[in-house]
Amino acid sequence: MSAALGLFRLQQVDSRMDEIRARLDEIRQILGNDDEVRQARAKAEEANSAHQMSLHALKRAEVEVDKQKGKIKQSESTLYSGSVKNPKELQDLQNEVASLKRYLGTLEDRQLEAMLGEEETAQANQAALDELAKIQARMAEQYQILTEEQATLNKDMERLKAERQAALTPLDTSLLTTYNGLRQQRRGLAVAEVSEGACAACGTTLTASQIQSARSTAQIYNCPTCGRILFAK
């Protein structure tokens, strides 16, 4: 087996391991990121707080209306009981009842506003709860899918480690030193295949003699442009 072929096989294994590591890191970040749920929960809590405030406002409005009705009932009871004979006192009572009824109208308007406000915040509260539940369900489904993918990738990684060890065995230490140096310099890709007469990594067109050198079993040949080790079938 030529050195270039051995390094190419090692590169294939390392590239796949790099992809798996990157994906595993991405999965860990996704699984550890609960910002969307926390934001939805905060909105739900805010909507619930607003709804509770509107409920209290409605309750106060109802109490004030009931009190006002009680005052009117009491004043009308006195007015129509016949106990007040003095014309001026009767007129004052009539004026008081009229004033109480006018203010009752104001209080009932406030009660209606409070009812509408309560309905609005109740709808907003329910919408926020529904959105939270939807996000939680989606995240739970995503969590299951990602954890299953994570388990599969971890198994693949263990298999690739064994394959990598097998690929390392026939290679000289000097070749591995060169390979590892190029991996660091070229973003993990130290070996490039010759495809359609060109370096598959950088696209440089190769001469027939250069391609023949890349096929050599005696020594490795580097791309004249990017410096990667070339492998030609």
C-alpha atoms as a PDB file:
ATOM      1  CA  MET A   1       0.000   0.000   0.000  1.00  0.00           C
ATOM      2  CA  SER A   2       1.337   3.435  -0.924  1.00  0.00           C
ATOM      3  CA  ALA A   3       1.950   6.039   1.755  1.00  0.00           C
ATOM      4  CA  ALA A   4      -0.494   8.404   0.057  1.00  0.00           C
ATOM      5  CA  LEU A   5      -3.250   5.779   0.135  1.00  0.00           C
ATOM      6  CA  GLY A   6      -2.609   5.050   3.802  1.00  0.00           C
ATOM      7  CA  LEU A   7      -2.753   8.755   4.643  1.00  0.00           C
ATOM      8  CA  PHE A   8      -5.850   9.198   2.494  1.00  0.00           C
ATOM      9  CA  ARG A   9      -7.653   6.467   4.417  1.00  0.00           C
ATOM     10  CA  LEU A  10      -6.563   8.048   7.681  1.00  0.00           C
ATOM     11  CA  GLN A  11      -7.816  11.403   6.405  1.00  0.00           C
ATOM     12  CA  GLN A  12     -11.218   9.920   5.596  1.00  0.00           C
ATOM     13  CA  VAL A  13     -11.539   8.573   9.119  1.00  0.00           C
ATOM     14  CA  ASP A  14     -10.319  11.813  10.698  1.00  0.00           C
ATOM     15  CA  SER A  15     -12.650  13.922   8.562  1.00  0.00           C
ATOM     16  CA  ARG A  16     -15.634  11.858   9.613  1.00  0.00           C
ATOM     17  CA  MET A  17     -14.546  12.069  13.259  1.00  0.00           C
ATOM     18  CA  ASP A  18     -14.215  15.849  12.892  1.00  0.00           C
ATOM     19  CA  GLU A  19     -17.766  16.001  11.516  1.00  0.00           C
ATOM     20  CA  ILE A  20     -19.083  13.916  14.396  1.00  0.00           C
ATOM     21  CA  ARG A  21     -17.286  16.039  17.004  1.00  0.00           C
ATOM     22  CA  ALA A  22     -18.707  19.199  15.455  1.00  0.00           C
ATOM     23  CA  ARG A  23     -22.215  17.747  15.419  1.00  0.00           C
ATOM     24  CA  LEU A  24     -21.913  16.475  18.996  1.00  0.00           C
ATOM     25  CA  ASP A  25     -20.823  19.952  20.111  1.00  0.00           C
ATOM     26  CA  GLU A  26     -23.801  21.427  18.271  1.00  0.00           C
ATOM     27  CA  ILE A  27     -26.174  18.948  19.915  1.00  0.00           C
ATOM     28  CA  ARG A  28     -24.757  19.711  23.364  1.00  0.00           C
ATOM     29  CA  GLN A  29     -25.293  23.426  22.770  1.00  0.00           C
ATOM     30  CA  ILE A  30     -28.862  22.887  21.606  1.00  0.00           C
ATOM     31  CA  LEU A  31     -29.702  20.589  24.525  1.00  0.00           C
ATOM     32  CA  GLY A  32     -28.160  23.037  26.976  1.00  0.00           C
ATOM     33  CA  ASN A  33     -29.961  26.059  25.551  1.00  0.00           C
ATOM     34  CA  ASP A  34     -33.371  26.601  27.152  1.00  0.00           C
ATOM     35  CA  ASP A  35     -33.658  30.307  26.287  1.00  0.00           C
ATOM     36  CA  GLU A  36     -36.811  29.815  24.211  1.00  0.00           C
ATOM     37  CA  VAL A  37     -38.595  27.975  27.023  1.00  0.00           C
ATOM     38  CA  ARG A  38     -37.458  30.485  29.641  1.00  0.00           C
ATOM     39  CA  GLN A  39     -38.644  33.407  27.519  1.00  0.00           C
ATOM     40  CA  ALA A  40     -42.021  31.741  26.905  1.00  0.00           C
ATOM     41  CA  ARG A  41     -42.352  30.976  30.620  1.00  0.00           C
ATOM     42  CA  ALA A  42     -41.522  34.590  31.508  1.00  0.00           C
ATOM     43  CA  LYS A  43     -44.186  35.820  29.079  1.00  0.00           C
ATOM     44  CA  ALA A  44     -46.703  33.396  30.576  1.00  0.00           C
ATOM     45  CA  GLU A  45     -45.894  34.615  34.086  1.00  0.00           C
ATOM     46  CA  GLU A  46     -46.211  38.230  32.950  1.00  0.00           C
ATOM     47  CA  ALA A  47     -49.566  37.499  31.276  1.00  0.00           C
ATOM     48  CA  ASN A  48     -50.803  35.702  34.390  1.00  0.00           C
ATOM     49  CA  SER A  49     -49.743  38.627  36.582  1.00  0.00           C
ATOM     50  CA  ALA A  50     -51.632  41.042  34.317  1.00  0.00           C
ATOM     51  CA  HIS A  51     -54.679  38.789  34.440  1.00  0.00           C
ATOM     52  CA  GLN A  52     -54.597  38.592  38.229  1.00  0.00           C
ATOM     53  CA  MET A  53     -54.418  42.390  38.409  1.00  0.00           C
ATOM     54  CA  SER A  54     -57.417  42.702  36.088  1.00  0.00           C
ATOM     55  CA  LEU A  55     -59.339  40.183  38.213  1.00  0.00           C
ATOM     56  CA  HIS A  56     -58.652  42.253  41.330  1.00  0.00           C
ATOM     57  CA  ALA A  57     -59.698  45.416  39.482  1.00  0.00           C
ATOM     58  CA  LEU A  58     -62.940  43.751  38.403  1.00  0.00           C
ATOM     59  CA  LYS A  59     -63.606  42.536  41.936  1.00  0.00           C
ATOM     60  CA  ARG A  60     -63.087  46.061  43.320  1.00  0.00           C
ATOM     61  CA  ALA A  61     -65.411  47.480  40.668  1.00  0.00           C
ATOM     62  CA  GLU A  62     -68.094  44.906  41.532  1.00  0.00           C
ATOM     63  CA  VAL A  63     -67.783  45.681  45.239  1.00  0.00           C
ATOM     64  CA  GLU A  64     -68.064  49.434  44.603  1.00  0.00           C
ATOM     65  CA  VAL A  65     -71.179  48.931  42.444  1.00  0.00           C
ATOM     66  CA  ASP A  66     -72.771  46.717  45.108  1.00  0.00           C
ATOM     67  CA  LYS A  67     -71.995  49.297  47.815  1.00  0.00           C
ATOM     68  CA  GLN A  68     -73.470  52.059  45.710  1.00  0.00           C
ATOM     69  CA  LYS A  69     -76.598  50.030  45.076  1.00  0.00           C
ATOM     70  CA  GLY A  70     -76.863  49.481  48.822  1.00  0.00           C
ATOM     71  CA  LYS A  71     -76.639  53.197  49.468  1.00  0.00           C
ATOM     72  CA  ILE A  72     -79.332  53.869  46.877  1.00  0.00           C
ATOM     73  CA  LYS A  73     -81.572  51.220  48.358  1.00  0.00           C
ATOM     74  CA  GLN A  74     -81.139  52.636  51.817  1.00  0.00           C
ATOM     75  CA  SER A  75     -81.791  56.235  50.666  1.00  0.00           C
ATOM     76  CA  GLU A  76     -84.853  55.189  48.632  1.00  0.00           C
ATOM     77  CA  SER A  77     -86.153  53.223  51.585  1.00  0.00           C
ATOM     78  CA  THR A  78     -85.946  56.334  53.738  1.00  0.00           C
ATOM     79  CA  LEU A  79     -87.441  58.477  50.972  1.00  0.00           C
ATOM     80  CA  TYR A  80     -90.485  56.271  50.466  1.00  0.00           C
ATOM     81  CA  SER A  81     -90.973  55.184  54.048  1.00  0.00           C
ATOM     82  CA  GLY A  82     -93.032  58.267  54.935  1.00  0.00           C
ATOM     83  CA  SER A  83     -90.874  59.017  57.941  1.00  0.00           C
ATOM     84  CA  VAL A  84     -89.591  62.232  56.402  1.00  0.00           C
ATOM     85  CA  LYS A  85     -92.277  64.913  56.290  1.00  0.00           C
ATOM     86  CA  ASN A  86     -90.293  68.096  55.838  1.00  0.00           C
ATOM     87  CA  PRO A  87     -90.439  69.163  52.143  1.00  0.00           C
ATOM     88  CA  LYS A  88     -86.854  70.415  52.159  1.00  0.00           C
ATOM     89  CA  GLU A  89     -85.593  67.169  53.680  1.00  0.00           C
ATOM     90  CA  LEU A  90     -87.594  65.215  51.107  1.00  0.00           C
ATOM     91  CA  GLN A  91     -86.086  67.303  48.310  1.00  0.00           C
ATOM     92  CA  ASP A  92     -82.600  66.740  49.711  1.00  0.00           C
ATOM     93  CA  LEU A  93     -83.254  62.974  49.810  1.00  0.00           C
ATOM     94  CA  GLN A  94     -84.496  63.015  46.235  1.00  0.00           C
ATOM     95  CA  ASN A  95     -81.391  64.941  45.164  1.00  0.00           C
ATOM     96  CA  GLU A  96     -79.193  62.497  47.090  1.00  0.00           C
ATOM     97  CA  VAL A  97     -80.842  59.490  45.391  1.00  0.00           C
ATOM     98  CA  ALA A  98     -80.401  61.111  41.983  1.00  0.00           C
ATOM     99  CA  SER A  99     -76.758  61.863  42.749  1.00  0.00           C
ATOM    100  CA  LEU A 100     -76.169  58.305  43.973  1.00  0.00           C
ATOM    101  CA  LYS A 101     -77.733  56.901  40.803  1.00  0.00           C
ATOM    102  CA  ARG A 102     -75.628  59.138  38.590  1.00  0.00           C
ATOM    103  CA  TYR A 103     -72.480  57.964  40.343  1.00  0.00           C
ATOM    104  CA  LEU A 104     -73.747  54.373  40.070  1.00  0.00           C
ATOM    105  CA  GLY A 105     -73.743  54.862  36.319  1.00  0.00           C
ATOM    106  CA  THR A 106     -70.099  55.951  36.508  1.00  0.00           C
ATOM    107  CA  LEU A 107     -69.238  52.937  38.665  1.00  0.00           C
ATOM    108  CA  GLU A 108     -71.048  50.569  36.296  1.00  0.00           C
ATOM    109  CA  ASP A 109     -69.094  52.038  33.378  1.00  0.00           C
ATOM    110  CA  ARG A 110     -65.913  51.309  35.320  1.00  0.00           C
ATOM    111  CA  GLN A 111     -67.178  47.815  36.030  1.00  0.00           C
ATOM    112  CA  LEU A 112     -67.810  47.243  32.325  1.00  0.00           C
ATOM    113  CA  GLU A 113     -64.291  48.465  31.513  1.00  0.00           C
ATOM    114  CA  ALA A 114     -62.907  46.135  34.168  1.00  0.00           C
ATOM    115  CA  MET A 115     -64.895  43.224  32.701  1.00  0.00           C
ATOM    116  CA  LEU A 116     -63.552  43.931  29.219  1.00  0.00           C
ATOM    117  CA  GLY A 117     -60.038  44.253  30.632  1.00  0.00           C
ATOM    118  CA  GLU A 118     -60.405  40.942  32.453  1.00  0.00           C
ATOM    119  CA  GLU A 119     -61.581  39.216  29.276  1.00  0.00           C
ATOM    120  CA  GLU A 120     -58.669  40.647  27.312  1.00  0.00           C
ATOM    121  CA  THR A 121     -56.037  39.622  29.853  1.00  0.00           C
ATOM    122  CA  ALA A 122     -57.671  36.192  30.237  1.00  0.00           C
ATOM    123  CA  GLN A 123     -57.305  35.625  26.496  1.00  0.00           C
ATOM    124  CA  ALA A 124     -53.717  36.870  26.552  1.00  0.00           C
ATOM    125  CA  ASN A 125     -52.959  34.648  29.526  1.00  0.00           C
ATOM    126  CA  GLN A 126     -54.400  31.582  27.796  1.00  0.00           C
ATOM    127  CA  ALA A 127     -52.518  32.395  24.590  1.00  0.00           C
ATOM    128  CA  ALA A 128     -49.245  32.652  26.534  1.00  0.00           C
ATOM    129  CA  LEU A 129     -49.944  29.329  28.279  1.00  0.00           C
ATOM    130  CA  ASP A 130     -50.751  27.673  24.945  1.00  0.00           C
ATOM    131  CA  GLU A 131     -47.545  29.026  23.401  1.00  0.00           C
ATOM    132  CA  LEU A 132     -45.501  27.793  26.374  1.00  0.00           C
ATOM    133  CA  ALA A 133     -47.065  24.341  26.125  1.00  0.00           C
ATOM    134  CA  LYS A 134     -46.411  24.229  22.368  1.00  0.00           C
ATOM    135  CA  ILE A 135     -42.757  25.195  22.808  1.00  0.00           C
ATOM    136  CA  GLN A 136     -42.285  22.702  25.637  1.00  0.00           C
ATOM    137  CA  ALA A 137     -43.801  19.917  23.529  1.00  0.00           C
ATOM    138  CA  ARG A 138     -41.631  20.813  20.551  1.00  0.00           C
ATOM    139  CA  MET A 139     -38.514  21.005  22.710  1.00  0.00           C
ATOM    140  CA  ALA A 140     -39.310  17.657  24.308  1.00  0.00           C
ATOM    141  CA  GLU A 141     -39.649  16.069  20.871  1.00  0.00           C
ATOM    142  CA  GLN A 142     -36.446  17.733  19.699  1.00  0.00           C
ATOM    143  CA  TYR A 143     -34.667  16.592  22.870  1.00  0.00           C
ATOM    144  CA  GLN A 144     -35.646  12.985  22.207  1.00  0.00           C
ATOM    145  CA  ILE A 145     -34.521  13.154  18.567  1.00  0.00           C
ATOM    146  CA  LEU A 146     -31.218  14.792  19.464  1.00  0.00           C
ATOM    147  CA  THR A 147     -30.426  12.422  22.319  1.00  0.00           C
ATOM    148  CA  GLU A 148     -31.029   9.477  19.999  1.00  0.00           C
ATOM    149  CA  GLU A 149     -28.769  11.059  17.380  1.00  0.00           C
ATOM    150  CA  GLN A 150     -26.195  11.764  20.070  1.00  0.00           C
ATOM    151  CA  ALA A 151     -26.164   8.098  21.119  1.00  0.00           C
ATOM    152  CA  THR A 152     -25.754   6.980  17.501  1.00  0.00           C
ATOM    153  CA  LEU A 153     -22.908   9.418  16.903  1.00  0.00           C
ATOM    154  CA  ASN A 154     -21.121   8.300  20.046  1.00  0.00           C
ATOM    155  CA  LYS A 155     -21.298   4.703  18.818  1.00  0.00           C
ATOM    156  CA  ASP A 156     -19.974   5.802  15.418  1.00  0.00           C
ATOM    157  CA  MET A 157     -17.134   7.619  17.138  1.00  0.00           C
ATOM    158  CA  GLU A 158     -16.102   4.498  19.039  1.00  0.00           C
ATOM    159  CA  ARG A 159     -16.106   2.494  15.796  1.00  0.00           C
ATOM    160  CA  LEU A 160     -14.066   5.160  14.011  1.00  0.00           C
ATOM    161  CA  LYS A 161     -11.501   5.215  16.813  1.00  0.00           C
ATOM    162  CA  ALA A 162     -10.860   1.550  16.154  1.00  0.00           C
ATOM    163  CA  GLU A 163     -10.669   2.203  12.414  1.00  0.00           C
ATOM    164  CA  ARG A 164      -8.256   5.054  12.994  1.00  0.00           C
ATOM    165  CA  GLN A 165      -5.996   2.879  15.079  1.00  0.00           C
ATOM    166  CA  ALA A 166      -5.947   0.308  12.283  1.00  0.00           C
ATOM    167  CA  ALA A 167      -5.161   3.025   9.740  1.00  0.00           C
ATOM    168  CA  LEU A 168      -2.284   4.325  11.873  1.00  0.00           C
ATOM    169  CA  THR A 169      -0.507   0.987  12.196  1.00  0.00           C
ATOM    170  CA  PRO A 170       1.230   0.810   8.782  1.00  0.00           C
ATOM    171  CA  LEU A 171       2.239   4.480   8.695  1.00  0.00           C
ATOM    172  CA  ASP A 172       5.718   5.767   9.552  1.00  0.00           C
ATOM    173  CA  THR A 173       6.156   8.281  12.344  1.00  0.00           C
ATOM    174  CA  SER A 174       7.657  10.835   9.955  1.00  0.00           C
ATOM    175  CA  LEU A 175       4.607  10.607   7.700  1.00  0.00           C
ATOM    176  CA  LEU A 176       2.276  11.079  10.650  1.00  0.00           C
ATOM    177  CA  THR A 177       4.241  14.121  11.766  1.00  0.00           C
ATOM    178  CA  THR A 178       3.852  15.646   8.308  1.00  0.00           C
ATOM    179  CA  TYR A 179       0.196  14.671   8.173  1.00  0.00           C
ATOM    180  CA  ASN A 180      -0.611  16.138  11.608  1.00  0.00           C
ATOM    181  CA  GLY A 181       1.231  19.368  10.752  1.00  0.00           C
ATOM    182  CA  LEU A 182      -0.808  19.775   7.576  1.00  0.00           C
ATOM    183  CA  ARG A 183      -4.018  18.994   9.465  1.00  0.00           C
ATOM    184  CA  GLN A 184      -3.322  21.926  11.772  1.00  0.00           C
ATOM    185  CA  GLN A 185      -2.364  24.248   8.922  1.00  0.00           C
ATOM    186  CA  ARG A 186      -5.195  23.311   6.539  1.00  0.00           C
ATOM    187  CA  ARG A 187      -8.238  23.217   8.788  1.00  0.00           C
ATOM    188  CA  GLY A 188      -8.154  19.480   9.289  1.00  0.00           C
ATOM    189  CA  LEU A 189      -7.673  18.491   5.649  1.00  0.00           C
ATOM    190  CA  ALA A 190      -4.130  17.255   5.088  1.00  0.00           C
ATOM    191  CA  VAL A 191      -4.785  14.871   2.181  1.00  0.00           C
ATOM    192  CA  ALA A 192      -6.720  15.757  -0.965  1.00  0.00           C
ATOM    193  CA  GLU A 193      -7.787  13.428  -3.744  1.00  0.00           C
ATOM    194  CA  VAL A 194      -7.002  14.168  -7.356  1.00  0.00           C
ATOM    195  CA  SER A 195     -10.338  14.618  -9.099  1.00  0.00           C
ATOM    196  CA  GLU A 196     -10.706  15.284 -12.831  1.00  0.00           C
ATOM    197  CA  GLY A 197      -7.077  16.275 -13.089  1.00  0.00           C
ATOM    198  CA  ALA A 198      -7.150  18.782 -10.257  1.00  0.00           C
ATOM    199  CA  CYS A 199      -6.623  19.018  -6.499  1.00  0.00           C
ATOM    200  CA  ALA A 200     -10.048  18.430  -4.985  1.00  0.00           C
ATOM    201  CA  ALA A 201      -9.246  20.762  -2.086  1.00  0.00           C
ATOM    202  CA  CYS A 202      -8.062  23.925  -3.847  1.00  0.00           C
ATOM    203  CA  GLY A 203      -8.979  23.223  -7.469  1.00  0.00           C
ATOM    204  CA  THR A 204      -5.486  23.608  -8.913  1.00  0.00           C
ATOM    205  CA  THR A 205      -5.184  21.871 -12.284  1.00  0.00           C
ATOM    206  CA  LEU A 206      -2.358  19.323 -12.305  1.00  0.00           C
ATOM    207  CA  THR A 207      -0.072  18.230 -15.127  1.00  0.00           C
ATOM    208  CA  ALA A 208       0.156  14.619 -16.204  1.00  0.00           C
ATOM    209  CA  SER A 209       3.537  14.253 -14.498  1.00  0.00           C
ATOM    210  CA  GLN A 210       2.202  15.751 -11.267  1.00  0.00           C
ATOM    211  CA  ILE A 211      -0.699  13.312 -11.294  1.00  0.00           C
ATOM    212  CA  GLN A 212       1.733  10.472 -11.893  1.00  0.00           C
ATOM    213  CA  SER A 213       3.793  11.666  -8.927  1.00  0.00           C
ATOM    214  CA  ALA A 214       0.619  11.643  -6.807  1.00  0.00           C
ATOM    215  CA  ARG A 215       0.155   8.005  -7.812  1.00  0.00           C
ATOM    216  CA  SER A 216       3.669   7.071  -6.744  1.00  0.00           C
ATOM    217  CA  THR A 217       3.952   4.403  -4.086  1.00  0.00           C
ATOM    218  CA  ALA A 218       7.489   5.393  -3.220  1.00  0.00           C
ATOM    219  CA  GLN A 219       6.897   8.871  -1.889  1.00  0.00           C
ATOM    220  CA  ILE A 220       4.225  11.425  -1.143  1.00  0.00           C
ATOM    221  CA  TYR A 221       3.530  14.362  -3.433  1.00  0.00           C
ATOM    222  CA  ASN A 222       2.159  17.708  -2.304  1.00  0.00           C
ATOM    223  CA  CYS A 223      -0.162  19.986  -4.206  1.00  0.00           C
ATOM    224  CA  PRO A 224       1.971  22.812  -5.639  1.00  0.00           C
ATOM    225  CA  THR A 225      -0.617  25.387  -4.571  1.00  0.00           C
ATOM    226  CA  CYS A 226      -2.150  24.418  -1.218  1.00  0.00           C
ATOM    227  CA  GLY A 227       0.592  22.049  -0.067  1.00  0.00           C
ATOM    228  CA  ARG A 228      -1.740  19.229   0.818  1.00  0.00           C
ATOM    229  CA  ILE A 229      -0.674  15.624   0.211  1.00  0.00           C
ATOM    230  CA  LEU A 230      -2.235  14.437  -3.029  1.00  0.00           C
ATOM    231  CA  PHE A 231      -3.727  11.013  -3.547  1.00  0.00           C
ATOM    232  CA  ALA A 232      -4.500   9.771  -7.058  1.00  0.00           C
ATOM    233  CA  LYS A 233      -6.131   6.444  -7.872  1.00  0.00           C
END
